[in-house]
Each structure stands twice: as C-alpha cells, then as structure tokens.
PDB file of N, CA and C in Angstrom:
ATOM      1  N   UNK A   1      46.264-204.109 -80.013  1.00  0.00           N
ATOM      2  CA  UNK A   1      45.753-202.787 -80.224  1.00  0.00           C
ATOM      3  C   UNK A   1      46.648-201.730 -79.573  1.00  0.00           C
ATOM      4  N   UNK A   2      47.143-202.044 -78.363  1.00  0.00           N
ATOM      5  CA  UNK A   2      48.040-201.126 -77.684  1.00  0.00           C
ATOM      6  C   UNK A   2      49.318-200.919 -78.490  1.00  0.00           C
ATOM      7  N   UNK A   3      49.783-201.965 -79.139  1.00  0.00           N
ATOM      8  CA  UNK A   3      51.002-201.890 -79.945  1.00  0.00           C
ATOM      9  C   UNK A   3      50.811-200.933 -81.116  1.00  0.00           C
ATOM     10  N   UNK A   4      49.659-200.973 -81.729  1.00  0.00           N
ATOM     11  CA  UNK A   4      49.372-200.069 -82.848  1.00  0.00           C
ATOM     12  C   UNK A   4      49.287-198.624 -82.341  1.00  0.00           C
ATOM     13  N   UNK A   5      48.699-198.421 -81.182  1.00  0.00           N
ATOM     14  CA  UNK A   5      48.602-197.072 -80.609  1.00  0.00           C
ATOM     15  C   UNK A   5      49.983-196.519 -80.283  1.00  0.00           C
ATOM     16  N   UNK A   6      50.845-197.386 -79.720  1.00  0.00           N
ATOM     17  CA  UNK A   6      52.214-196.936 -79.415  1.00  0.00           C
ATOM     18  C   UNK A   6      52.986-196.572 -80.692  1.00  0.00           C
ATOM     19  N   UNK A   7      52.855-197.393 -81.735  1.00  0.00           N
ATOM     20  CA  UNK A   7      53.529-197.109 -83.007  1.00  0.00           C
ATOM     21  C   UNK A   7      53.015-195.796 -83.598  1.00  0.00           C
ATOM     22  N   UNK A   8      51.709-195.576 -83.539  1.00  0.00           N
ATOM     23  CA  UNK A   8      51.126-194.346 -84.071  1.00  0.00           C
ATOM     24  C   UNK A   8      51.621-193.138 -83.287  1.00  0.00           C
ATOM     25  N   UNK A   9      51.681-193.287 -81.966  1.00  0.00           N
ATOM     26  CA  UNK A   9      52.154-192.204 -81.116  1.00  0.00           C
ATOM     27  C   UNK A   9      53.625-191.869 -81.405  1.00  0.00           C
ATOM     28  N   UNK A  10      54.465-192.869 -81.526  1.00  0.00           N
ATOM     29  CA  UNK A  10      55.895-192.653 -81.794  1.00  0.00           C
ATOM     30  C   UNK A  10      56.100-192.014 -83.168  1.00  0.00           C
ATOM     31  N   UNK A  11      55.375-192.495 -84.171  1.00  0.00           N
ATOM     32  CA  UNK A  11      55.502-191.930 -85.521  1.00  0.00           C
ATOM     33  C   UNK A  11      55.024-190.485 -85.534  1.00  0.00           C
ATOM     34  N   UNK A  12      53.937-190.180 -84.856  1.00  0.00           N
ATOM     35  CA  UNK A  12      53.430-188.812 -84.848  1.00  0.00           C
ATOM     36  C   UNK A  12      54.382-187.873 -84.107  1.00  0.00           C
ATOM     37  N   UNK A  13      55.037-188.344 -83.062  1.00  0.00           N
ATOM     38  CA  UNK A  13      56.011-187.520 -82.339  1.00  0.00           C
ATOM     39  C   UNK A  13      57.232-187.252 -83.217  1.00  0.00           C
ATOM     40  N   UNK A  14      57.694-188.273 -83.931  1.00  0.00           N
ATOM     41  CA  UNK A  14      58.868-188.103 -84.784  1.00  0.00           C
ATOM     42  C   UNK A  14      58.596-187.115 -85.928  1.00  0.00           C
ATOM     43  N   UNK A  15      57.416-187.182 -86.507  1.00  0.00           N
ATOM     44  CA  UNK A  15      57.121-186.298 -87.631  1.00  0.00           C
ATOM     45  C   UNK A  15      56.675-184.900 -87.191  1.00  0.00           C
ATOM     46  N   UNK A  16      56.330-184.714 -85.952  1.00  0.00           N
ATOM     47  CA  UNK A  16      55.923-183.392 -85.493  1.00  0.00           C
ATOM     48  C   UNK A  16      57.104-182.602 -84.928  1.00  0.00           C
ATOM     49  N   UNK A  17      58.266-183.194 -84.841  1.00  0.00           N
ATOM     50  CA  UNK A  17      59.449-182.519 -84.305  1.00  0.00           C
ATOM     51  C   UNK A  17      59.815-181.273 -85.107  1.00  0.00           C
ATOM     52  N   UNK A  18      59.805-181.310 -86.453  1.00  0.00           N
ATOM     53  CA  UNK A  18      60.143-180.073 -87.181  1.00  0.00           C
ATOM     54  C   UNK A  18      59.171-178.927 -86.916  1.00  0.00           C
ATOM     55  N   UNK A  19      57.979-179.232 -86.535  1.00  0.00           N
ATOM     56  CA  UNK A  19      56.999-178.193 -86.240  1.00  0.00           C
ATOM     57  C   UNK A  19      57.416-177.426 -84.984  1.00  0.00           C
ATOM     58  N   UNK A  20      58.117-178.080 -84.090  1.00  0.00           N
ATOM     59  CA  UNK A  20      58.518-177.464 -82.842  1.00  0.00           C
ATOM     60  C   UNK A  20      59.867-176.738 -82.948  1.00  0.00           C
ATOM     61  N   UNK A  21      60.391-176.595 -84.160  1.00  0.00           N
ATOM     62  CA  UNK A  21      61.684-175.929 -84.334  1.00  0.00           C
ATOM     63  C   UNK A  21      61.589-174.474 -83.900  1.00  0.00           C
ATOM     64  N   UNK A  22      62.696-173.959 -83.393  1.00  0.00           N
ATOM     65  CA  UNK A  22      62.715-172.590 -82.902  1.00  0.00           C
ATOM     66  C   UNK A  22      63.053-171.619 -84.024  1.00  0.00           C
ATOM     67  N   UNK A  23      62.537-170.436 -83.895  1.00  0.00           N
ATOM     68  CA  UNK A  23      62.846-169.371 -84.829  1.00  0.00           C
ATOM     69  C   UNK A  23      63.511-168.259 -84.043  1.00  0.00           C
ATOM     70  N   UNK A  24      64.365-167.513 -84.758  1.00  0.00           N
ATOM     71  CA  UNK A  24      65.049-166.430 -84.063  1.00  0.00           C
ATOM     72  C   UNK A  24      65.564-165.401 -85.048  1.00  0.00           C
ATOM     73  N   UNK A  25      66.154-164.365 -84.508  1.00  0.00           N
ATOM     74  CA  UNK A  25      66.720-163.291 -85.305  1.00  0.00           C
ATOM     75  C   UNK A  25      68.219-163.280 -85.054  1.00  0.00           C
ATOM     76  N   UNK A  26      68.984-163.189 -86.137  1.00  0.00           N
ATOM     77  CA  UNK A  26      70.433-163.157 -86.026  1.00  0.00           C
ATOM     78  C   UNK A  26      70.898-161.716 -86.079  1.00  0.00           C
ATOM     79  N   UNK A  27      71.685-161.331 -85.125  1.00  0.00           N
ATOM     80  CA  UNK A  27      72.271-159.989 -85.094  1.00  0.00           C
ATOM     81  C   UNK A  27      73.760-160.113 -85.349  1.00  0.00           C
ATOM     82  N   UNK A  28      74.255-159.331 -86.307  1.00  0.00           N
ATOM     83  CA  UNK A  28      75.679-159.342 -86.627  1.00  0.00           C
ATOM     84  C   UNK A  28      76.297-158.061 -86.092  1.00  0.00           C
ATOM     85  N   UNK A  29      77.253-158.225 -85.225  1.00  0.00           N
ATOM     86  CA  UNK A  29      77.963-157.073 -84.680  1.00  0.00           C
ATOM     87  C   UNK A  29      79.234-156.887 -85.487  1.00  0.00           C
ATOM     88  N   UNK A  30      79.365-155.723 -86.124  1.00  0.00           N
ATOM     89  CA  UNK A  30      80.578-155.449 -86.881  1.00  0.00           C
ATOM     90  C   UNK A  30      81.050-154.043 -86.574  1.00  0.00           C
ATOM     91  N   UNK A  31      82.309-153.873 -86.747  1.00  0.00           N
ATOM     92  CA  UNK A  31      82.922-152.591 -86.464  1.00  0.00           C
ATOM     93  C   UNK A  31      82.591-151.585 -87.569  1.00  0.00           C
ATOM     94  N   UNK A  32      82.523-150.324 -87.206  1.00  0.00           N
ATOM     95  CA  UNK A  32      82.307-149.264 -88.193  1.00  0.00           C
ATOM     96  C   UNK A  32      83.520-149.143 -89.106  1.00  0.00           C
ATOM     97  N   UNK A  33      84.667-149.614 -88.660  1.00  0.00           N
ATOM     98  CA  UNK A  33      85.885-149.570 -89.462  1.00  0.00           C
ATOM     99  C   UNK A  33      85.745-150.421 -90.727  1.00  0.00           C
ATOM    100  N   UNK A  34      84.985-151.493 -90.660  1.00  0.00           N
ATOM    101  CA  UNK A  34      84.795-152.366 -91.824  1.00  0.00           C
ATOM    102  C   UNK A  34      84.112-151.588 -92.942  1.00  0.00           C
ATOM    103  N   UNK A  35      83.075-150.839 -92.618  1.00  0.00           N
ATOM    104  CA  UNK A  35      82.390-150.031 -93.635  1.00  0.00           C
ATOM    105  C   UNK A  35      83.320-148.974 -94.210  1.00  0.00           C
ATOM    106  N   UNK A  36      84.138-148.363 -93.365  1.00  0.00           N
ATOM    107  CA  UNK A  36      85.075-147.345 -93.830  1.00  0.00           C
ATOM    108  C   UNK A  36      86.115-147.945 -94.765  1.00  0.00           C
ATOM    109  N   UNK A  37      86.633-149.114 -94.426  1.00  0.00           N
ATOM    110  CA  UNK A  37      87.635-149.771 -95.267  1.00  0.00           C
ATOM    111  C   UNK A  37      87.027-150.201 -96.601  1.00  0.00           C
ATOM    112  N   UNK A  38      85.812-150.713 -96.583  1.00  0.00           N
ATOM    113  CA  UNK A  38      85.149-151.103 -97.829  1.00  0.00           C
ATOM    114  C   UNK A  38      84.904-149.900 -98.731  1.00  0.00           C
ATOM    115  N   UNK A  39      84.510-148.793 -98.169  1.00  0.00           N
ATOM    116  CA  UNK A  39      84.302-147.577 -98.967  1.00  0.00           C
ATOM    117  C   UNK A  39      85.619-147.090 -99.559  1.00  0.00           C
ATOM    118  N   UNK A  40      86.679-147.162 -98.778  1.00  0.00           N
ATOM    119  CA  UNK A  40      87.993-146.763 -99.272  1.00  0.00           C
ATOM    120  C   UNK A  40      88.460-147.670-100.394  1.00  0.00           C
ATOM    121  N   UNK A  41      88.219-148.968-100.246  1.00  0.00           N
ATOM    122  CA  UNK A  41      88.604-149.933-101.286  1.00  0.00           C
ATOM    123  C   UNK A  41      87.846-149.659-102.585  1.00  0.00           C
ATOM    124  N   UNK A  42      86.551-149.360-102.499  1.00  0.00           N
ATOM    125  CA  UNK A  42      85.766-149.040-103.693  1.00  0.00           C
ATOM    126  C   UNK A  42      86.302-147.792-104.374  1.00  0.00           C
ATOM    127  N   UNK A  43      86.666-146.802-103.580  1.00  0.00           N
ATOM    128  CA  UNK A  43      87.201-145.558-104.137  1.00  0.00           C
ATOM    129  C   UNK A  43      88.539-145.808-104.842  1.00  0.00           C
ATOM    130  N   UNK A  44      89.376-146.620-104.245  1.00  0.00           N
ATOM    131  CA  UNK A  44      90.666-146.934-104.865  1.00  0.00           C
ATOM    132  C   UNK A  44      90.484-147.720-106.158  1.00  0.00           C
ATOM    133  N   UNK A  45      89.522-148.610-106.196  1.00  0.00           N
ATOM    134  CA  UNK A  45      89.281-149.391-107.409  1.00  0.00           C
ATOM    135  C   UNK A  45      88.797-148.503-108.550  1.00  0.00           C
ATOM    136  N   UNK A  46      88.048-147.453-108.242  1.00  0.00           N
ATOM    137  CA  UNK A  46      87.589-146.542-109.280  1.00  0.00           C
ATOM    138  C   UNK A  46      88.753-145.769-109.881  1.00  0.00           C
ATOM    139  N   UNK A  47      89.719-145.396-109.039  1.00  0.00           N
ATOM    140  CA  UNK A  47      90.847-144.595-109.482  1.00  0.00           C
ATOM    141  C   UNK A  47      92.014-145.448-109.969  1.00  0.00           C
ATOM    142  N   UNK A  48      91.834-146.744-109.985  1.00  0.00           N
ATOM    143  CA  UNK A  48      92.930-147.643-110.331  1.00  0.00           C
ATOM    144  C   UNK A  48      93.407-147.398-111.760  1.00  0.00           C
ATOM    145  N   UNK A  49      94.701-147.221-111.891  1.00  0.00           N
ATOM    146  CA  UNK A  49      95.286-147.081-113.211  1.00  0.00           C
ATOM    147  C   UNK A  49      95.406-148.456-113.842  1.00  0.00           C
ATOM    148  N   UNK A  50      95.350-148.461-115.135  1.00  0.00           N
ATOM    149  CA  UNK A  50      95.500-149.712-115.852  1.00  0.00           C
ATOM    150  C   UNK A  50      96.969-150.036-116.029  1.00  0.00           C
ATOM    151  N   UNK A  51      97.243-151.298-116.212  1.00  0.00           N
ATOM    152  CA  UNK A  51      98.588-151.733-116.566  1.00  0.00           C
ATOM    153  C   UNK A  51      98.664-151.712-118.086  1.00  0.00           C
ATOM    154  N   UNK A  52      99.738-151.170-118.610  1.00  0.00           N
ATOM    155  CA  UNK A  52      99.921-151.079-120.052  1.00  0.00           C
ATOM    156  C   UNK A  52     101.220-151.757-120.431  1.00  0.00           C
ATOM    157  N   UNK A  53     101.394-151.966-121.712  1.00  0.00           N
ATOM    158  CA  UNK A  53     102.633-152.545-122.238  1.00  0.00           C
ATOM    159  C   UNK A  53     103.258-151.500-123.151  1.00  0.00           C
ATOM    160  N   UNK A  54     104.513-151.202-122.897  1.00  0.00           N
ATOM    161  CA  UNK A  54     105.231-150.274-123.773  1.00  0.00           C
ATOM    162  C   UNK A  54     105.999-151.103-124.788  1.00  0.00           C
ATOM    163  N   UNK A  55     105.754-150.840-126.086  1.00  0.00           N
ATOM    164  CA  UNK A  55     106.413-151.626-127.136  1.00  0.00           C
ATOM    165  C   UNK A  55     107.501-150.845-127.854  1.00  0.00           C
ATOM    166  N   UNK A  56     107.489-149.503-127.686  1.00  0.00           N
ATOM    167  CA  UNK A  56     108.496-148.710-128.397  1.00  0.00           C
ATOM    168  C   UNK A  56     108.785-147.426-127.636  1.00  0.00           C
ATOM    169  N   UNK A  57     110.055-146.964-127.757  1.00  0.00           N
ATOM    170  CA  UNK A  57     110.492-145.703-127.181  1.00  0.00           C
ATOM    171  C   UNK A  57     111.566-145.152-128.102  1.00  0.00           C
ATOM    172  N   UNK A  58     111.316-143.997-128.738  1.00  0.00           N
ATOM    173  CA  UNK A  58     112.308-143.434-129.644  1.00  0.00           C
ATOM    174  C   UNK A  58     111.769-142.257-130.428  1.00  0.00           C
ATOM    175  N   UNK A  59     112.316-142.065-131.639  1.00  0.00           N
ATOM    176  CA  UNK A  59     111.924-140.906-132.454  1.00  0.00           C
ATOM    177  C   UNK A  59     110.556-141.112-133.092  1.00  0.00           C
ATOM    178  N   UNK A  60     110.027-140.026-133.640  1.00  0.00           N
ATOM    179  CA  UNK A  60     108.646-140.039-134.144  1.00  0.00           C
ATOM    180  C   UNK A  60     108.455-140.971-135.341  1.00  0.00           C
ATOM    181  N   UNK A  61     109.354-140.954-136.298  1.00  0.00           N
ATOM    182  CA  UNK A  61     109.184-141.788-137.492  1.00  0.00           C
ATOM    183  C   UNK A  61     109.159-143.272-137.138  1.00  0.00           C
ATOM    184  N   UNK A  62     110.080-143.683-136.294  1.00  0.00           N
ATOM    185  CA  UNK A  62     110.109-145.091-135.883  1.00  0.00           C
ATOM    186  C   UNK A  62     108.892-145.440-135.025  1.00  0.00           C
ATOM    187  N   UNK A  63     108.431-144.483-134.237  1.00  0.00           N
ATOM    188  CA  UNK A  63     107.250-144.722-133.407  1.00  0.00           C
ATOM    189  C   UNK A  63     106.015-144.924-134.280  1.00  0.00           C
ATOM    190  N   UNK A  64     105.874-144.105-135.306  1.00  0.00           N
ATOM    191  CA  UNK A  64     104.736-144.267-136.209  1.00  0.00           C
ATOM    192  C   UNK A  64     104.806-145.596-136.948  1.00  0.00           C
ATOM    193  N   UNK A  65     106.014-146.025-137.328  1.00  0.00           N
ATOM    194  CA  UNK A  65     106.169-147.323-137.992  1.00  0.00           C
ATOM    195  C   UNK A  65     105.794-148.456-137.048  1.00  0.00           C
ATOM    196  N   UNK A  66     106.212-148.352-135.797  1.00  0.00           N
ATOM    197  CA  UNK A  66     105.868-149.384-134.808  1.00  0.00           C
ATOM    198  C   UNK A  66     104.368-149.411-134.554  1.00  0.00           C
ATOM    199  N   UNK A  67     103.755-148.237-134.543  1.00  0.00           N
ATOM    200  CA  UNK A  67     102.310-148.142-134.336  1.00  0.00           C
ATOM    201  C   UNK A  67     101.552-148.833-135.466  1.00  0.00           C
ATOM    202  N   UNK A  68     101.946-148.565-136.692  1.00  0.00           N
ATOM    203  CA  UNK A  68     101.292-149.187-137.853  1.00  0.00           C
ATOM    204  C   UNK A  68     101.527-150.696-137.847  1.00  0.00           C
ATOM    205  N   UNK A  69     102.733-151.111-137.526  1.00  0.00           N
ATOM    206  CA  UNK A  69     103.049-152.542-137.492  1.00  0.00           C
ATOM    207  C   UNK A  69     102.214-153.254-136.430  1.00  0.00           C
ATOM    208  N   UNK A  70     102.068-152.624-135.267  1.00  0.00           N
ATOM    209  CA  UNK A  70     101.273-153.243-134.206  1.00  0.00           C
ATOM    210  C   UNK A  70      99.804-153.325-134.611  1.00  0.00           C
ATOM    211  N   UNK A  71      99.285-152.246-135.201  1.00  0.00           N
ATOM    212  CA  UNK A  71      97.875-152.252-135.599  1.00  0.00           C
ATOM    213  C   UNK A  71      97.574-153.304-136.653  1.00  0.00           C
ATOM    214  N   UNK A  72      98.532-153.599-137.541  1.00  0.00           N
ATOM    215  CA  UNK A  72      98.293-154.632-138.554  1.00  0.00           C
ATOM    216  C   UNK A  72      98.335-156.026-137.938  1.00  0.00           C
ATOM    217  N   UNK A  73      99.192-156.226-136.953  1.00  0.00           N
ATOM    218  CA  UNK A  73      99.296-157.547-136.317  1.00  0.00           C
ATOM    219  C   UNK A  73      98.203-157.781-135.267  1.00  0.00           C
ATOM    220  N   UNK A  74      97.826-156.738-134.559  1.00  0.00           N
ATOM    221  CA  UNK A  74      96.827-156.838-133.484  1.00  0.00           C
ATOM    222  C   UNK A  74      95.753-155.775-133.704  1.00  0.00           C
ATOM    223  N   UNK A  75      94.863-155.960-134.661  1.00  0.00           N
ATOM    224  CA  UNK A  75      93.888-154.906-134.997  1.00  0.00           C
ATOM    225  C   UNK A  75      92.844-154.632-133.921  1.00  0.00           C
ATOM    226  N   UNK A  76      92.590-155.580-133.037  1.00  0.00           N
ATOM    227  CA  UNK A  76      91.531-155.386-132.053  1.00  0.00           C
ATOM    228  C   UNK A  76      92.037-154.884-130.699  1.00  0.00           C
ATOM    229  N   UNK A  77      93.311-154.512-130.605  1.00  0.00           N
ATOM    230  CA  UNK A  77      93.884-154.040-129.346  1.00  0.00           C
ATOM    231  C   UNK A  77      93.933-152.512-129.296  1.00  0.00           C
ATOM    232  N   UNK A  78      93.838-151.996-128.087  1.00  0.00           N
ATOM    233  CA  UNK A  78      93.966-150.558-127.859  1.00  0.00           C
ATOM    234  C   UNK A  78      95.447-150.189-127.905  1.00  0.00           C
ATOM    235  N   UNK A  79      95.786-149.179-128.686  1.00  0.00           N
ATOM    236  CA  UNK A  79      97.173-148.723-128.805  1.00  0.00           C
ATOM    237  C   UNK A  79      97.182-147.204-128.883  1.00  0.00           C
ATOM    238  N   UNK A  80      98.187-146.587-128.257  1.00  0.00           N
ATOM    239  CA  UNK A  80      98.283-145.135-128.281  1.00  0.00           C
ATOM    240  C   UNK A  80      99.748-144.711-128.339  1.00  0.00           C
ATOM    241  N   UNK A  81      99.958-143.525-128.927  1.00  0.00           N
ATOM    242  CA  UNK A  81     101.296-142.962-128.994  1.00  0.00           C
ATOM    243  C   UNK A  81     101.349-141.759-128.050  1.00  0.00           C
ATOM    244  N   UNK A  82     102.339-141.739-127.170  1.00  0.00           N
ATOM    245  CA  UNK A  82     102.516-140.658-126.210  1.00  0.00           C
ATOM    246  C   UNK A  82     103.852-139.977-126.465  1.00  0.00           C
ATOM    247  N   UNK A  83     103.893-138.694-126.212  1.00  0.00           N
ATOM    248  CA  UNK A  83     105.139-137.947-126.337  1.00  0.00           C
ATOM    249  C   UNK A  83     105.599-137.526-124.956  1.00  0.00           C
ATOM    250  N   UNK A  84     106.753-137.985-124.566  1.00  0.00           N
ATOM    251  CA  UNK A  84     107.406-137.551-123.341  1.00  0.00           C
ATOM    252  C   UNK A  84     108.796-137.086-123.746  1.00  0.00           C
ATOM    253  N   UNK A  85     109.053-135.836-123.588  1.00  0.00           N
ATOM    254  CA  UNK A  85     110.277-135.213-124.077  1.00  0.00           C
ATOM    255  C   UNK A  85     111.492-136.064-123.739  1.00  0.00           C
ATOM    256  N   UNK A  86     112.322-136.400-124.658  1.00  0.00           N
ATOM    257  CA  UNK A  86     112.342-136.104-126.088  1.00  0.00           C
ATOM    258  C   UNK A  86     111.865-137.276-126.936  1.00  0.00           C
ATOM    259  N   UNK A  87     111.225-138.267-126.353  1.00  0.00           N
ATOM    260  CA  UNK A  87     110.886-139.494-127.074  1.00  0.00           C
ATOM    261  C   UNK A  87     109.392-139.702-127.227  1.00  0.00           C
ATOM    262  N   UNK A  88     109.066-140.471-128.256  1.00  0.00           N
ATOM    263  CA  UNK A  88     107.697-140.943-128.462  1.00  0.00           C
ATOM    264  C   UNK A  88     107.621-142.370-127.938  1.00  0.00           C
ATOM    265  N   UNK A  89     106.493-142.687-127.315  1.00  0.00           N
ATOM    266  CA  UNK A  89     106.307-144.023-126.746  1.00  0.00           C
ATOM    267  C   UNK A  89     105.015-144.609-127.277  1.00  0.00           C
ATOM    268  N   UNK A  90     105.040-145.910-127.541  1.00  0.00           N
ATOM    269  CA  UNK A  90     103.846-146.623-127.979  1.00  0.00           C
ATOM    270  C   UNK A  90     103.404-147.516-126.827  1.00  0.00           C
ATOM    271  N   UNK A  91     102.185-147.258-126.346  1.00  0.00           N
ATOM    272  CA  UNK A  91     101.614-148.013-125.241  1.00  0.00           C
ATOM    273  C   UNK A  91     100.438-148.830-125.748  1.00  0.00           C
ATOM    274  N   UNK A  92     100.347-150.044-125.247  1.00  0.00           N
ATOM    275  CA  UNK A  92      99.342-150.995-125.711  1.00  0.00           C
ATOM    276  C   UNK A  92      98.491-151.451-124.536  1.00  0.00           C
ATOM    277  N   UNK A  93      97.180-151.529-124.757  1.00  0.00           N
ATOM    278  CA  UNK A  93      96.254-152.161-123.823  1.00  0.00           C
ATOM    279  C   UNK A  93      95.888-151.336-122.612  1.00  0.00           C
ATOM    280  N   UNK A  94      94.855-151.828-121.950  1.00  0.00           N
ATOM    281  CA  UNK A  94      94.402-151.324-120.653  1.00  0.00           C
ATOM    282  C   UNK A  94      94.031-152.558-119.850  1.00  0.00           C
ATOM    283  N   UNK A  95      94.995-153.111-119.153  1.00  0.00           N
ATOM    284  CA  UNK A  95      94.794-154.352-118.421  1.00  0.00           C
ATOM    285  C   UNK A  95      94.547-154.058-116.954  1.00  0.00           C
ATOM    286  N   UNK A  96      93.549-154.703-116.393  1.00  0.00           N
ATOM    287  CA  UNK A  96      93.211-154.479-114.988  1.00  0.00           C
ATOM    288  C   UNK A  96      94.164-155.200-114.046  1.00  0.00           C
ATOM    289  N   UNK A  97      94.665-156.355-114.451  1.00  0.00           N
ATOM    290  CA  UNK A  97      95.551-157.119-113.577  1.00  0.00           C
ATOM    291  C   UNK A  97      96.880-157.376-114.263  1.00  0.00           C
ATOM    292  N   UNK A  98      97.861-157.664-113.455  1.00  0.00           N
ATOM    293  CA  UNK A  98      99.200-157.974-113.980  1.00  0.00           C
ATOM    294  C   UNK A  98      99.163-159.278-114.770  1.00  0.00           C
ATOM    295  N   UNK A  99      98.316-160.206-114.364  1.00  0.00           N
ATOM    296  CA  UNK A  99      98.202-161.486-115.052  1.00  0.00           C
ATOM    297  C   UNK A  99      97.727-161.298-116.489  1.00  0.00           C
ATOM    298  N   UNK A 100      96.713-160.451-116.695  1.00  0.00           N
ATOM    299  CA  UNK A 100      96.226-160.176-118.052  1.00  0.00           C
ATOM    300  C   UNK A 100      97.331-159.555-118.897  1.00  0.00           C
ATOM    301  N   UNK A 101      98.070-158.625-118.305  1.00  0.00           N
ATOM    302  CA  UNK A 101      99.149-157.954-119.039  1.00  0.00           C
ATOM    303  C   UNK A 101     100.255-158.943-119.401  1.00  0.00           C
ATOM    304  N   UNK A 102     100.590-159.829-118.486  1.00  0.00           N
ATOM    305  CA  UNK A 102     101.650-160.809-118.759  1.00  0.00           C
ATOM    306  C   UNK A 102     101.246-161.794-119.852  1.00  0.00           C
ATOM    307  N   UNK A 103      99.989-162.168-119.874  1.00  0.00           N
ATOM    308  CA  UNK A 103      99.517-163.071-120.938  1.00  0.00           C
ATOM    309  C   UNK A 103      99.635-162.409-122.309  1.00  0.00           C
ATOM    310  N   UNK A 104      99.239-161.142-122.373  1.00  0.00           N
ATOM    311  CA  UNK A 104      99.326-160.429-123.643  1.00  0.00           C
ATOM    312  C   UNK A 104     100.772-160.133-124.009  1.00  0.00           C
ATOM    313  N   UNK A 105     101.603-159.925-123.012  1.00  0.00           N
ATOM    314  CA  UNK A 105     103.012-159.625-123.245  1.00  0.00           C
ATOM    315  C   UNK A 105     103.708-160.766-123.979  1.00  0.00           C
ATOM    316  N   UNK A 106     103.324-161.992-123.704  1.00  0.00           N
ATOM    317  CA  UNK A 106     103.921-163.143-124.389  1.00  0.00           C
ATOM    318  C   UNK A 106     103.706-163.060-125.897  1.00  0.00           C
ATOM    319  N   UNK A 107     102.516-162.669-126.310  1.00  0.00           N
ATOM    320  CA  UNK A 107     102.226-162.545-127.747  1.00  0.00           C
ATOM    321  C   UNK A 107     102.917-161.328-128.351  1.00  0.00           C
ATOM    322  N   UNK A 108     102.945-160.228-127.615  1.00  0.00           N
ATOM    323  CA  UNK A 108     103.527-158.990-128.131  1.00  0.00           C
ATOM    324  C   UNK A 108     105.042-159.106-128.266  1.00  0.00           C
ATOM    325  N   UNK A 109     105.676-159.825-127.346  1.00  0.00           N
ATOM    326  CA  UNK A 109     107.142-159.947-127.370  1.00  0.00           C
ATOM    327  C   UNK A 109     107.654-160.678-128.609  1.00  0.00           C
ATOM    328  N   UNK A 110     106.808-161.455-129.249  1.00  0.00           N
ATOM    329  CA  UNK A 110     107.228-162.126-130.484  1.00  0.00           C
ATOM    330  C   UNK A 110     107.528-161.103-131.577  1.00  0.00           C
ATOM    331  N   UNK A 111     106.790-160.019-131.601  1.00  0.00           N
ATOM    332  CA  UNK A 111     106.960-158.973-132.605  1.00  0.00           C
ATOM    333  C   UNK A 111     107.830-157.821-132.091  1.00  0.00           C
ATOM    334  N   UNK A 112     107.706-157.512-130.803  1.00  0.00           N
ATOM    335  CA  UNK A 112     108.472-156.430-130.182  1.00  0.00           C
ATOM    336  C   UNK A 112     109.202-156.993-128.962  1.00  0.00           C
ATOM    337  N   UNK A 113     110.419-157.495-129.133  1.00  0.00           N
ATOM    338  CA  UNK A 113     111.114-158.185-128.034  1.00  0.00           C
ATOM    339  C   UNK A 113     111.465-157.291-126.833  1.00  0.00           C
ATOM    340  N   UNK A 114     111.491-155.984-127.019  1.00  0.00           N
ATOM    341  CA  UNK A 114     111.834-155.087-125.897  1.00  0.00           C
ATOM    342  C   UNK A 114     110.601-154.613-125.134  1.00  0.00           C
ATOM    343  N   UNK A 115     109.440-155.166-125.409  1.00  0.00           N
ATOM    344  CA  UNK A 115     108.208-154.748-124.756  1.00  0.00           C
ATOM    345  C   UNK A 115     108.234-155.122-123.267  1.00  0.00           C
ATOM    346  N   UNK A 116     107.581-154.286-122.452  1.00  0.00           N
ATOM    347  CA  UNK A 116     107.496-154.559-121.018  1.00  0.00           C
ATOM    348  C   UNK A 116     106.224-153.953-120.452  1.00  0.00           C
ATOM    349  N   UNK A 117     105.664-154.563-119.400  1.00  0.00           N
ATOM    350  CA  UNK A 117     104.466-154.009-118.768  1.00  0.00           C
ATOM    351  C   UNK A 117     104.850-152.946-117.741  1.00  0.00           C
ATOM    352  N   UNK A 118     103.951-151.988-117.518  1.00  0.00           N
ATOM    353  CA  UNK A 118     104.191-150.947-116.532  1.00  0.00           C
ATOM    354  C   UNK A 118     102.866-150.290-116.163  1.00  0.00           C
ATOM    355  N   UNK A 119     102.888-149.539-115.079  1.00  0.00           N
ATOM    356  CA  UNK A 119     101.733-148.742-114.653  1.00  0.00           C
ATOM    357  C   UNK A 119     102.066-147.283-114.883  1.00  0.00           C
ATOM    358  N   UNK A 120     101.371-146.604-115.777  1.00  0.00           N
ATOM    359  CA  UNK A 120     101.694-145.190-116.045  1.00  0.00           C
ATOM    360  C   UNK A 120     101.382-144.296-114.855  1.00  0.00           C
TER     361      UNK A 120
END
C-alpha cells in the first residue's frame, strides 16, 4: 500500500510541475535611434526611383519605330518615350530591384542589343 502511495505522490508531483511555472513581463530596451532610422528607411523607400531599361536613343522617327516594335513584342510591359535634347529615348519598365531589371534585360537584349538598365 505504501508503494502505491509513493507512486501516486511522485506522479502527482511530476504532473503538477507545469502549474508552478513562473510568469513575467519582458521589457525590451531599445535606442530611440532605431525608431529614427526605421522612419528614415520608410521615407527613402517611398521616394525610391525605379530602375528602367533604355532600349533606344536617337531621332524621333527611329524612336517611334522602336516604340512600336517593342509594344508588338512585349505588349504587357510599360514603355515610354522621353525627349532629352537633342535625342529621344525609349525607356521600358518600372523595376524595384536590379535583379528584376536584369532578368527582363535578358529578354529585351534579344530584340534591342544596345539596351541597358539605369536609374533615371
């Protein structure tokens, strides 16, 4: 009988241990500089310029031809024609990262071998 009482006592102690677990509050000490840097990073990300690919630079007639050719080959891509004295430029895409621009550049270079990525 004593053996059964000891076994019951040991089992009850083992299973009641989680009940005796401690609770507490965690305090995180951080510098005010961290909040300032995070706010600055968010502001910079909002103002971030996109990376674009330039496929053409030259006179207006050739620029319009390049624009039409690009639109027929890549109908779902963003493309724009810009005028910077004295040349017209055809810019493609709005890529957030250089990696995205480089991936697209591989496909574009097949049709426009002088294409290159840049940040306007």
